[in-house]
Amino acid sequence: MKLGLLLLFAVLPLFSFAQTPIKLTGVTGDVFRYTAFPSAITDARNIDVWLPPNYVENDREKYPVIYMHDGQNLFNRQTAQSKIEWGIDETLEKLIRENKVRPAIVVGIWNTPRRTIEFMPQRAFDVRDNVIRKSEAVTRKSAESDKYLKFITSELKPFIDKTYRTQSDRKNTFIMGSSMGALMSLYAVGEYPDIFGGAACLSPQYPLGAGVILNYMEKYLPSPKKHKIYFDYGTKGLDAQYETYQMKADVLIKKRGYKKNKNWITRKFPGDDHSEKSWGGRAEIPLIFLLGK
């Protein structure tokens, strides 16, 4: 292990979870994996942490943090479910080098076999139970998204803030995901507006529950004075269904007081489909929106 990395772990504060993370190979920059990160709330899962360039050398600097769902797909194609990674490590390294974003820490939260029920926004179903389609394979009663968010906010985030040099306040804490992970990012900023200052929602899976997330947005969107929200969608595959839903979402977010291209962005990407390749290919846009100087 390089001297710099030895120094990194020498200066990390003590914490209750004593596992020494594994430094990954085949990635850009320093990515550390906590295997089977424990939880008293939900299932254990892997956590990957990407550190910005010169993290060790800049030992007095603190960094914003982006929490990202489906963490196994972010940095390494060997662990990606489709064998196609987003390339967040390369993208952020490039954006930081070009001075387009503030250096930041990325926390990749792996999903589990329970992904569907963990990524199903519970309160959205409470808002509009009467229109849930009978064909939905998983009902609101089996959803565990509230447990998943509680894990992130009450177990994972405190660990990250204690272990790494973070700017832990709302305006420097973000959440990002795609498909159902996009719904969870929107849900997270609605449920925990004092923790998350922004959400990036790529290809939100709006048809889930006949669009119940739209009713949730109407009631629980956080204040536009302290938050920013990014939406996008493609035009092929599953994404071909989303434009009508997104138009309705745009009306709601505008009604709430968000200003387009200021604290809210919606982008359409003709030709993009519902895949890691498409999401990774345009990830720099929401990253600049959340972290831009």
C-alpha atoms as a PDB file:
ATOM      1  CA  MET A   1       0.000   0.000   0.000  1.00  0.00           C
ATOM      2  CA  LYS A   2       1.295   3.445  -0.879  1.00  0.00           C
ATOM      3  CA  LEU A   3       2.567   5.702   1.886  1.00  0.00           C
ATOM      4  CA  GLY A   4      -0.234   8.183   1.174  1.00  0.00           C
ATOM      5  CA  LEU A   5      -2.881   5.543   1.746  1.00  0.00           C
ATOM      6  CA  LEU A   6      -1.192   4.416   4.939  1.00  0.00           C
ATOM      7  CA  LEU A   7      -1.317   8.016   6.122  1.00  0.00           C
ATOM      8  CA  LEU A   8      -4.987   8.204   5.147  1.00  0.00           C
ATOM      9  CA  PHE A   9      -6.009   5.401   7.447  1.00  0.00           C
ATOM     10  CA  ALA A  10      -3.593   6.554  10.129  1.00  0.00           C
ATOM     11  CA  VAL A  11      -5.466   9.838  10.429  1.00  0.00           C
ATOM     12  CA  LEU A  12      -8.999   8.469  10.134  1.00  0.00           C
ATOM     13  CA  PRO A  13     -10.874   8.801  13.421  1.00  0.00           C
ATOM     14  CA  LEU A  14     -11.939   5.726  15.335  1.00  0.00           C
ATOM     15  CA  PHE A  15     -15.395   4.411  14.547  1.00  0.00           C
ATOM     16  CA  SER A  16     -17.577   1.551  15.658  1.00  0.00           C
ATOM     17  CA  PHE A  17     -17.420  -0.297  12.332  1.00  0.00           C
ATOM     18  CA  ALA A  18     -13.836  -1.546  12.459  1.00  0.00           C
ATOM     19  CA  GLN A  19     -13.514  -3.241   9.059  1.00  0.00           C
ATOM     20  CA  THR A  20     -10.525  -2.009   7.063  1.00  0.00           C
ATOM     21  CA  PRO A  21     -11.765  -1.187   3.565  1.00  0.00           C
ATOM     22  CA  ILE A  22     -10.344  -2.864   0.484  1.00  0.00           C
ATOM     23  CA  LYS A  23      -8.656  -0.600  -2.053  1.00  0.00           C
ATOM     24  CA  LEU A  24     -10.005  -1.444  -5.490  1.00  0.00           C
ATOM     25  CA  THR A  25      -7.881  -1.919  -8.577  1.00  0.00           C
ATOM     26  CA  GLY A  26      -8.862  -1.214 -12.163  1.00  0.00           C
ATOM     27  CA  VAL A  27     -10.456   2.121 -11.271  1.00  0.00           C
ATOM     28  CA  THR A  28      -9.485   5.770 -11.668  1.00  0.00           C
ATOM     29  CA  GLY A  29      -8.380   7.295  -8.364  1.00  0.00           C
ATOM     30  CA  ASP A  30      -8.877   5.798  -4.940  1.00  0.00           C
ATOM     31  CA  VAL A  31     -11.958   3.664  -4.352  1.00  0.00           C
ATOM     32  CA  PHE A  32     -12.368   1.778  -1.097  1.00  0.00           C
ATOM     33  CA  ARG A  33     -14.881  -0.992  -0.476  1.00  0.00           C
ATOM     34  CA  TYR A  34     -16.532  -1.854   2.818  1.00  0.00           C
ATOM     35  CA  THR A  35     -17.760  -5.405   2.355  1.00  0.00           C
ATOM     36  CA  ALA A  36     -21.125  -6.299   3.899  1.00  0.00           C
ATOM     37  CA  PHE A  37     -21.458  -2.977   5.701  1.00  0.00           C
ATOM     38  CA  PRO A  38     -23.628  -3.860   8.711  1.00  0.00           C
ATOM     39  CA  SER A  39     -26.972  -2.348   9.615  1.00  0.00           C
ATOM     40  CA  ALA A  40     -29.409  -2.728  12.473  1.00  0.00           C
ATOM     41  CA  ILE A  41     -32.164  -1.477  10.153  1.00  0.00           C
ATOM     42  CA  THR A  42     -31.835  -3.355   6.881  1.00  0.00           C
ATOM     43  CA  ASP A  43     -29.702  -5.921   5.053  1.00  0.00           C
ATOM     44  CA  ALA A  44     -25.924  -5.602   5.017  1.00  0.00           C
ATOM     45  CA  ARG A  45     -24.479  -4.509   1.676  1.00  0.00           C
ATOM     46  CA  ASN A  46     -21.232  -3.393   0.102  1.00  0.00           C
ATOM     47  CA  ILE A  47     -20.330   0.291   0.171  1.00  0.00           C
ATOM     48  CA  ASP A  48     -17.790   1.823  -2.214  1.00  0.00           C
ATOM     49  CA  VAL A  49     -16.206   5.194  -1.412  1.00  0.00           C
ATOM     50  CA  TRP A  50     -14.462   7.223  -4.124  1.00  0.00           C
ATOM     51  CA  LEU A  51     -12.090   9.918  -2.890  1.00  0.00           C
ATOM     52  CA  PRO A  52     -11.239  12.994  -4.974  1.00  0.00           C
ATOM     53  CA  PRO A  53      -7.682  13.564  -6.249  1.00  0.00           C
ATOM     54  CA  ASN A  54      -5.206  14.776  -3.613  1.00  0.00           C
ATOM     55  CA  TYR A  55      -7.525  13.869  -0.738  1.00  0.00           C
ATOM     56  CA  VAL A  56      -4.566  12.734   1.392  1.00  0.00           C
ATOM     57  CA  GLU A  57      -2.337  15.683   0.501  1.00  0.00           C
ATOM     58  CA  ASN A  58      -5.050  18.278   1.146  1.00  0.00           C
ATOM     59  CA  ASP A  59      -5.462  17.112   4.708  1.00  0.00           C
ATOM     60  CA  ARG A  60      -7.317  20.204   5.894  1.00  0.00           C
ATOM     61  CA  GLU A  61      -9.877  20.321   3.116  1.00  0.00           C
ATOM     62  CA  LYS A  62     -13.419  19.042   3.575  1.00  0.00           C
ATOM     63  CA  TYR A  63     -15.559  17.784   0.728  1.00  0.00           C
ATOM     64  CA  PRO A  64     -19.198  17.592  -0.372  1.00  0.00           C
ATOM     65  CA  VAL A  65     -20.649  14.100  -0.676  1.00  0.00           C
ATOM     66  CA  ILE A  66     -22.870  12.464  -3.291  1.00  0.00           C
ATOM     67  CA  TYR A  67     -24.673   9.289  -2.237  1.00  0.00           C
ATOM     68  CA  MET A  68     -25.450   7.107  -5.253  1.00  0.00           C
ATOM     69  CA  HIS A  69     -27.736   4.082  -5.497  1.00  0.00           C
ATOM     70  CA  ASP A  70     -26.777   0.867  -7.324  1.00  0.00           C
ATOM     71  CA  GLY A  71     -23.165   1.400  -6.302  1.00  0.00           C
ATOM     72  CA  GLN A  72     -21.911  -1.786  -7.950  1.00  0.00           C
ATOM     73  CA  ASN A  73     -22.523  -0.151 -11.348  1.00  0.00           C
ATOM     74  CA  LEU A  74     -20.543   3.038 -10.797  1.00  0.00           C
ATOM     75  CA  PHE A  75     -16.815   2.348 -10.952  1.00  0.00           C
ATOM     76  CA  ASN A  76     -15.989  -1.144 -12.197  1.00  0.00           C
ATOM     77  CA  ARG A  77     -17.552  -3.133 -15.034  1.00  0.00           C
ATOM     78  CA  GLN A  78     -16.549  -6.379 -13.323  1.00  0.00           C
ATOM     79  CA  THR A  79     -19.118  -5.758 -10.589  1.00  0.00           C
ATOM     80  CA  ALA A  80     -21.707  -3.997 -12.757  1.00  0.00           C
ATOM     81  CA  GLN A  81     -24.843  -6.055 -13.223  1.00  0.00           C
ATOM     82  CA  SER A  82     -24.838  -5.513 -16.991  1.00  0.00           C
ATOM     83  CA  LYS A  83     -21.018  -5.504 -17.160  1.00  0.00           C
ATOM     84  CA  ILE A  84     -21.268  -1.844 -18.187  1.00  0.00           C
ATOM     85  CA  GLU A  85     -20.225   0.755 -15.604  1.00  0.00           C
ATOM     86  CA  TRP A  86     -21.188   4.416 -15.344  1.00  0.00           C
ATOM     87  CA  GLY A  87     -17.523   5.451 -15.144  1.00  0.00           C
ATOM     88  CA  ILE A  88     -18.209   7.946 -12.354  1.00  0.00           C
ATOM     89  CA  ASP A  89     -14.550   7.782 -11.305  1.00  0.00           C
ATOM     90  CA  GLU A  90     -13.288   8.840 -14.746  1.00  0.00           C
ATOM     91  CA  THR A  91     -16.042  11.416 -15.200  1.00  0.00           C
ATOM     92  CA  LEU A  92     -15.502  13.163 -11.874  1.00  0.00           C
ATOM     93  CA  GLU A  93     -11.718  13.064 -12.170  1.00  0.00           C
ATOM     94  CA  LYS A  94     -12.042  14.787 -15.549  1.00  0.00           C
ATOM     95  CA  LEU A  95     -14.531  17.384 -14.309  1.00  0.00           C
ATOM     96  CA  ILE A  96     -12.358  18.191 -11.285  1.00  0.00           C
ATOM     97  CA  ARG A  97      -9.246  18.477 -13.452  1.00  0.00           C
ATOM     98  CA  GLU A  98     -11.087  20.827 -15.803  1.00  0.00           C
ATOM     99  CA  ASN A  99     -12.235  22.906 -12.812  1.00  0.00           C
ATOM    100  CA  LYS A 100     -15.902  22.402 -13.706  1.00  0.00           C
ATOM    101  CA  VAL A 101     -16.939  20.981 -10.323  1.00  0.00           C
ATOM    102  CA  ARG A 102     -15.834  21.089  -6.725  1.00  0.00           C
ATOM    103  CA  PRO A 103     -13.885  17.996  -5.647  1.00  0.00           C
ATOM    104  CA  ALA A 104     -16.305  15.628  -3.916  1.00  0.00           C
ATOM    105  CA  ILE A 105     -16.589  12.227  -2.282  1.00  0.00           C
ATOM    106  CA  VAL A 106     -18.885   9.648  -3.886  1.00  0.00           C
ATOM    107  CA  VAL A 107     -20.512   6.945  -1.760  1.00  0.00           C
ATOM    108  CA  GLY A 108     -21.775   4.063  -3.885  1.00  0.00           C
ATOM    109  CA  ILE A 109     -24.460   2.056  -2.098  1.00  0.00           C
ATOM    110  CA  TRP A 110     -24.786  -1.412  -3.590  1.00  0.00           C
ATOM    111  CA  ASN A 111     -28.263  -2.768  -4.065  1.00  0.00           C
ATOM    112  CA  THR A 112     -29.403  -6.135  -2.741  1.00  0.00           C
ATOM    113  CA  PRO A 113     -31.796  -8.838  -4.006  1.00  0.00           C
ATOM    114  CA  ARG A 114     -34.472  -6.741  -2.269  1.00  0.00           C
ATOM    115  CA  ARG A 115     -33.849  -3.755  -4.550  1.00  0.00           C
ATOM    116  CA  THR A 116     -37.422  -3.517  -5.844  1.00  0.00           C
ATOM    117  CA  ILE A 117     -39.040  -3.237  -2.442  1.00  0.00           C
ATOM    118  CA  GLU A 118     -36.255  -1.026  -1.082  1.00  0.00           C
ATOM    119  CA  PHE A 119     -36.643   1.400  -3.992  1.00  0.00           C
ATOM    120  CA  MET A 120     -40.439   1.697  -3.833  1.00  0.00           C
ATOM    121  CA  PRO A 121     -41.325   5.103  -2.278  1.00  0.00           C
ATOM    122  CA  GLN A 122     -43.720   4.181   0.512  1.00  0.00           C
ATOM    123  CA  ARG A 123     -45.365   7.500   1.258  1.00  0.00           C
ATOM    124  CA  ALA A 124     -46.088   7.972  -2.442  1.00  0.00           C
ATOM    125  CA  PHE A 125     -48.321   4.931  -2.253  1.00  0.00           C
ATOM    126  CA  ASP A 126     -49.971   6.279   0.896  1.00  0.00           C
ATOM    127  CA  VAL A 127     -50.882   9.424  -1.030  1.00  0.00           C
ATOM    128  CA  ARG A 128     -52.660   7.562  -3.805  1.00  0.00           C
ATOM    129  CA  ASP A 129     -53.411   3.993  -2.725  1.00  0.00           C
ATOM    130  CA  ASN A 130     -56.650   3.903  -4.690  1.00  0.00           C
ATOM    131  CA  VAL A 131     -54.954   3.928  -8.099  1.00  0.00           C
ATOM    132  CA  ILE A 132     -52.269   1.292  -7.548  1.00  0.00           C
ATOM    133  CA  ARG A 133     -52.450  -1.085 -10.456  1.00  0.00           C
ATOM    134  CA  LYS A 134     -53.419  -4.647  -9.540  1.00  0.00           C
ATOM    135  CA  SER A 135     -50.689  -5.807 -11.910  1.00  0.00           C
ATOM    136  CA  GLU A 136     -47.944  -4.344  -9.694  1.00  0.00           C
ATOM    137  CA  ALA A 137     -45.799  -7.287  -8.615  1.00  0.00           C
ATOM    138  CA  VAL A 138     -44.895  -5.641  -5.321  1.00  0.00           C
ATOM    139  CA  THR A 139     -47.455  -3.698  -3.294  1.00  0.00           C
ATOM    140  CA  ARG A 140     -46.934  -0.753  -0.990  1.00  0.00           C
ATOM    141  CA  LYS A 141     -47.353  -3.069   2.014  1.00  0.00           C
ATOM    142  CA  SER A 142     -44.113  -4.860   1.188  1.00  0.00           C
ATOM    143  CA  ALA A 143     -42.106  -1.708   0.465  1.00  0.00           C
ATOM    144  CA  GLU A 144     -38.998  -1.090   2.569  1.00  0.00           C
ATOM    145  CA  SER A 145     -37.851   2.246   1.204  1.00  0.00           C
ATOM    146  CA  ASP A 146     -38.299   4.005   4.527  1.00  0.00           C
ATOM    147  CA  LYS A 147     -35.919   1.509   6.146  1.00  0.00           C
ATOM    148  CA  TYR A 148     -33.451   1.979   3.310  1.00  0.00           C
ATOM    149  CA  LEU A 149     -33.459   5.768   3.684  1.00  0.00           C
ATOM    150  CA  LYS A 150     -33.184   5.483   7.452  1.00  0.00           C
ATOM    151  CA  PHE A 151     -30.120   3.278   6.947  1.00  0.00           C
ATOM    152  CA  ILE A 152     -28.544   5.937   4.727  1.00  0.00           C
ATOM    153  CA  THR A 153     -29.357   8.889   6.982  1.00  0.00           C
ATOM    154  CA  SER A 154     -28.891   7.401  10.450  1.00  0.00           C
ATOM    155  CA  GLU A 155     -26.166   4.765   9.921  1.00  0.00           C
ATOM    156  CA  LEU A 156     -24.241   5.262   6.685  1.00  0.00           C
ATOM    157  CA  LYS A 157     -24.015   9.059   6.571  1.00  0.00           C
ATOM    158  CA  PRO A 158     -22.841   9.384  10.204  1.00  0.00           C
ATOM    159  CA  PHE A 159     -20.167   6.767   9.460  1.00  0.00           C
ATOM    160  CA  ILE A 160     -18.997   8.592   6.332  1.00  0.00           C
ATOM    161  CA  ASP A 161     -18.964  11.951   8.126  1.00  0.00           C
ATOM    162  CA  LYS A 162     -16.958  10.486  11.012  1.00  0.00           C
ATOM    163  CA  THR A 163     -14.514   8.552   8.847  1.00  0.00           C
ATOM    164  CA  TYR A 164     -13.831  11.021   6.052  1.00  0.00           C
ATOM    165  CA  ARG A 165     -13.404  14.781   5.853  1.00  0.00           C
ATOM    166  CA  THR A 166     -16.839  15.813   4.667  1.00  0.00           C
ATOM    167  CA  GLN A 167     -18.889  18.951   4.486  1.00  0.00           C
ATOM    168  CA  SER A 168     -21.781  17.291   6.226  1.00  0.00           C
ATOM    169  CA  ASP A 169     -24.406  20.031   5.980  1.00  0.00           C
ATOM    170  CA  ARG A 170     -27.438  19.970   3.706  1.00  0.00           C
ATOM    171  CA  LYS A 171     -26.082  22.245   0.994  1.00  0.00           C
ATOM    172  CA  ASN A 172     -23.128  19.879   0.471  1.00  0.00           C
ATOM    173  CA  THR A 173     -24.973  16.550   0.660  1.00  0.00           C
ATOM    174  CA  PHE A 174     -26.610  15.113  -2.469  1.00  0.00           C
ATOM    175  CA  ILE A 175     -28.251  11.916  -3.684  1.00  0.00           C
ATOM    176  CA  MET A 176     -28.358  10.481  -7.195  1.00  0.00           C
ATOM    177  CA  GLY A 177     -29.721   7.463  -9.024  1.00  0.00           C
ATOM    178  CA  SER A 178     -31.415   6.051 -12.102  1.00  0.00           C
ATOM    179  CA  SER A 179     -34.715   4.308 -12.812  1.00  0.00           C
ATOM    180  CA  MET A 180     -36.193   3.285  -9.435  1.00  0.00           C
ATOM    181  CA  GLY A 181     -33.036   4.780  -7.935  1.00  0.00           C
ATOM    182  CA  ALA A 182     -34.135   8.088  -9.455  1.00  0.00           C
ATOM    183  CA  LEU A 183     -37.481   7.760  -7.674  1.00  0.00           C
ATOM    184  CA  MET A 184     -35.605   7.063  -4.439  1.00  0.00           C
ATOM    185  CA  SER A 185     -33.416  10.124  -4.902  1.00  0.00           C
ATOM    186  CA  LEU A 186     -36.490  12.312  -5.314  1.00  0.00           C
ATOM    187  CA  TYR A 187     -38.128  10.562  -2.364  1.00  0.00           C
ATOM    188  CA  ALA A 188     -35.020  11.058  -0.226  1.00  0.00           C
ATOM    189  CA  VAL A 189     -34.917  14.829  -0.746  1.00  0.00           C
ATOM    190  CA  GLY A 190     -38.651  14.963   0.049  1.00  0.00           C
ATOM    191  CA  GLU A 191     -38.435  12.845   3.193  1.00  0.00           C
ATOM    192  CA  TYR A 192     -35.150  14.277   4.467  1.00  0.00           C
ATOM    193  CA  PRO A 193     -35.012  17.897   3.231  1.00  0.00           C
ATOM    194  CA  ASP A 194     -32.760  18.883   6.126  1.00  0.00           C
ATOM    195  CA  ILE A 195     -30.144  16.318   5.108  1.00  0.00           C
ATOM    196  CA  PHE A 196     -30.103  16.376   1.290  1.00  0.00           C
ATOM    197  CA  GLY A 197     -29.690  19.650  -0.562  1.00  0.00           C
ATOM    198  CA  GLY A 198     -30.153  18.206  -4.013  1.00  0.00           C
ATOM    199  CA  ALA A 199     -31.185  15.151  -6.000  1.00  0.00           C
ATOM    200  CA  ALA A 200     -30.280  13.935  -9.481  1.00  0.00           C
ATOM    201  CA  CYS A 201     -32.963  11.695 -11.001  1.00  0.00           C
ATOM    202  CA  LEU A 202     -31.946   9.975 -14.241  1.00  0.00           C
ATOM    203  CA  SER A 203     -34.728   8.179 -16.142  1.00  0.00           C
ATOM    204  CA  PRO A 204     -37.206   8.080 -13.238  1.00  0.00           C
ATOM    205  CA  GLN A 205     -39.390   4.968 -13.390  1.00  0.00           C
ATOM    206  CA  TYR A 206     -42.579   7.049 -13.379  1.00  0.00           C
ATOM    207  CA  PRO A 207     -44.997   4.257 -14.414  1.00  0.00           C
ATOM    208  CA  LEU A 208     -44.446   2.517 -11.060  1.00  0.00           C
ATOM    209  CA  GLY A 209     -47.789   2.479  -9.264  1.00  0.00           C
ATOM    210  CA  ALA A 210     -49.468   4.362 -12.114  1.00  0.00           C
ATOM    211  CA  GLY A 211     -47.328   7.437 -11.468  1.00  0.00           C
ATOM    212  CA  VAL A 212     -47.914   7.778  -7.734  1.00  0.00           C
ATOM    213  CA  ILE A 213     -44.631   9.676  -7.349  1.00  0.00           C
ATOM    214  CA  LEU A 214     -46.285  12.644  -9.080  1.00  0.00           C
ATOM    215  CA  ASN A 215     -48.877  12.923  -6.306  1.00  0.00           C
ATOM    216  CA  TYR A 216     -46.055  12.684  -3.785  1.00  0.00           C
ATOM    217  CA  MET A 217     -44.248  15.538  -5.540  1.00  0.00           C
ATOM    218  CA  GLU A 218     -47.327  17.731  -5.372  1.00  0.00           C
ATOM    219  CA  LYS A 219     -47.492  17.318  -1.600  1.00  0.00           C
ATOM    220  CA  TYR A 220     -43.907  16.842  -0.427  1.00  0.00           C
ATOM    221  CA  LEU A 221     -41.471  18.644  -2.733  1.00  0.00           C
ATOM    222  CA  PRO A 222     -38.971  20.490  -0.524  1.00  0.00           C
ATOM    223  CA  SER A 223     -38.421  24.237  -0.535  1.00  0.00           C
ATOM    224  CA  PRO A 224     -36.859  25.582  -3.743  1.00  0.00           C
ATOM    225  CA  LYS A 225     -34.927  28.098  -1.628  1.00  0.00           C
ATOM    226  CA  LYS A 226     -32.673  25.369  -0.224  1.00  0.00           C
ATOM    227  CA  HIS A 227     -32.755  22.550  -2.771  1.00  0.00           C
ATOM    228  CA  LYS A 228     -31.988  21.710  -6.379  1.00  0.00           C
ATOM    229  CA  ILE A 229     -33.434  18.877  -8.456  1.00  0.00           C
ATOM    230  CA  TYR A 230     -32.323  17.381 -11.775  1.00  0.00           C
ATOM    231  CA  PHE A 231     -34.446  15.185 -14.076  1.00  0.00           C
ATOM    232  CA  ASP A 232     -33.677  13.557 -17.398  1.00  0.00           C
ATOM    233  CA  TYR A 233     -34.921  10.853 -19.728  1.00  0.00           C
ATOM    234  CA  GLY A 234     -34.153   9.220 -23.047  1.00  0.00           C
ATOM    235  CA  THR A 235     -36.433   8.248 -25.902  1.00  0.00           C
ATOM    236  CA  LYS A 236     -35.799   4.530 -26.403  1.00  0.00           C
ATOM    237  CA  GLY A 237     -36.729   1.380 -24.477  1.00  0.00           C
ATOM    238  CA  LEU A 238     -38.438   2.031 -21.153  1.00  0.00           C
ATOM    239  CA  ASP A 239     -37.541   5.700 -21.385  1.00  0.00           C
ATOM    240  CA  ALA A 240     -39.897   6.085 -24.340  1.00  0.00           C
ATOM    241  CA  GLN A 241     -42.768   5.978 -21.796  1.00  0.00           C
ATOM    242  CA  TYR A 242     -41.494   8.822 -19.640  1.00  0.00           C
ATOM    243  CA  GLU A 243     -41.996  12.095 -21.491  1.00  0.00           C
ATOM    244  CA  THR A 244     -45.685  12.482 -20.630  1.00  0.00           C
ATOM    245  CA  TYR A 245     -44.957  11.826 -16.958  1.00  0.00           C
ATOM    246  CA  GLN A 246     -42.008  14.221 -16.985  1.00  0.00           C
ATOM    247  CA  MET A 247     -44.133  16.991 -18.454  1.00  0.00           C
ATOM    248  CA  LYS A 248     -46.515  16.585 -15.511  1.00  0.00           C
ATOM    249  CA  ALA A 249     -43.577  16.564 -13.089  1.00  0.00           C
ATOM    250  CA  ASP A 250     -42.269  19.772 -14.648  1.00  0.00           C
ATOM    251  CA  VAL A 251     -45.609  21.478 -14.056  1.00  0.00           C
ATOM    252  CA  LEU A 252     -45.540  20.434 -10.400  1.00  0.00           C
ATOM    253  CA  ILE A 253     -41.972  21.521  -9.754  1.00  0.00           C
ATOM    254  CA  LYS A 254     -42.547  24.847 -11.469  1.00  0.00           C
ATOM    255  CA  LYS A 255     -45.715  25.358  -9.408  1.00  0.00           C
ATOM    256  CA  ARG A 256     -43.672  24.743  -6.255  1.00  0.00           C
ATOM    257  CA  GLY A 257     -41.445  27.685  -7.185  1.00  0.00           C
ATOM    258  CA  TYR A 258     -38.394  26.036  -8.747  1.00  0.00           C
ATOM    259  CA  LYS A 259     -36.696  28.010 -11.513  1.00  0.00           C
ATOM    260  CA  LYS A 260     -35.593  26.131 -14.618  1.00  0.00           C
ATOM    261  CA  ASN A 261     -31.834  26.058 -15.185  1.00  0.00           C
ATOM    262  CA  LYS A 262     -31.296  27.636 -11.767  1.00  0.00           C
ATOM    263  CA  ASN A 263     -32.349  25.147  -9.097  1.00  0.00           C
ATOM    264  CA  TRP A 264     -34.125  22.730 -11.427  1.00  0.00           C
ATOM    265  CA  ILE A 265     -33.152  21.084 -14.713  1.00  0.00           C
ATOM    266  CA  THR A 266     -35.091  18.724 -16.966  1.00  0.00           C
ATOM    267  CA  ARG A 267     -33.238  17.303 -19.984  1.00  0.00           C
ATOM    268  CA  LYS A 268     -34.370  15.067 -22.822  1.00  0.00           C
ATOM    269  CA  PHE A 269     -31.753  12.889 -24.561  1.00  0.00           C
ATOM    270  CA  PRO A 270     -32.972  11.657 -27.943  1.00  0.00           C
ATOM    271  CA  GLY A 271     -31.611   8.209 -28.718  1.00  0.00           C
ATOM    272  CA  ASP A 272     -30.696   7.332 -25.138  1.00  0.00           C
ATOM    273  CA  ASP A 273     -32.231   4.229 -23.602  1.00  0.00           C
ATOM    274  CA  HIS A 274     -32.717   2.797 -20.114  1.00  0.00           C
ATOM    275  CA  SER A 275     -29.172   1.589 -19.487  1.00  0.00           C
ATOM    276  CA  GLU A 276     -25.936   2.175 -17.598  1.00  0.00           C
ATOM    277  CA  LYS A 277     -24.309   3.128 -20.890  1.00  0.00           C
ATOM    278  CA  SER A 278     -26.760   5.996 -21.403  1.00  0.00           C
ATOM    279  CA  TRP A 279     -26.710   7.146 -17.779  1.00  0.00           C
ATOM    280  CA  GLY A 280     -22.934   7.085 -17.559  1.00  0.00           C
ATOM    281  CA  GLY A 281     -22.657   8.890 -20.869  1.00  0.00           C
ATOM    282  CA  ARG A 282     -24.580  11.895 -19.560  1.00  0.00           C
ATOM    283  CA  ALA A 283     -23.648  11.750 -15.863  1.00  0.00           C
ATOM    284  CA  GLU A 284     -21.405  14.790 -16.104  1.00  0.00           C
ATOM    285  CA  ILE A 285     -24.456  17.021 -16.605  1.00  0.00           C
ATOM    286  CA  PRO A 286     -26.121  16.319 -13.239  1.00  0.00           C
ATOM    287  CA  LEU A 287     -22.699  16.258 -11.552  1.00  0.00           C
ATOM    288  CA  ILE A 288     -21.960  19.753 -12.820  1.00  0.00           C
ATOM    289  CA  PHE A 289     -25.456  20.843 -11.750  1.00  0.00           C
ATOM    290  CA  LEU A 290     -24.945  19.558  -8.187  1.00  0.00           C
ATOM    291  CA  LEU A 291     -21.232  20.341  -7.756  1.00  0.00           C
ATOM    292  CA  GLY A 292     -20.568  23.165 -10.206  1.00  0.00           C
ATOM    293  CA  LYS A 293     -18.575  26.068  -8.874  1.00  0.00           C
END
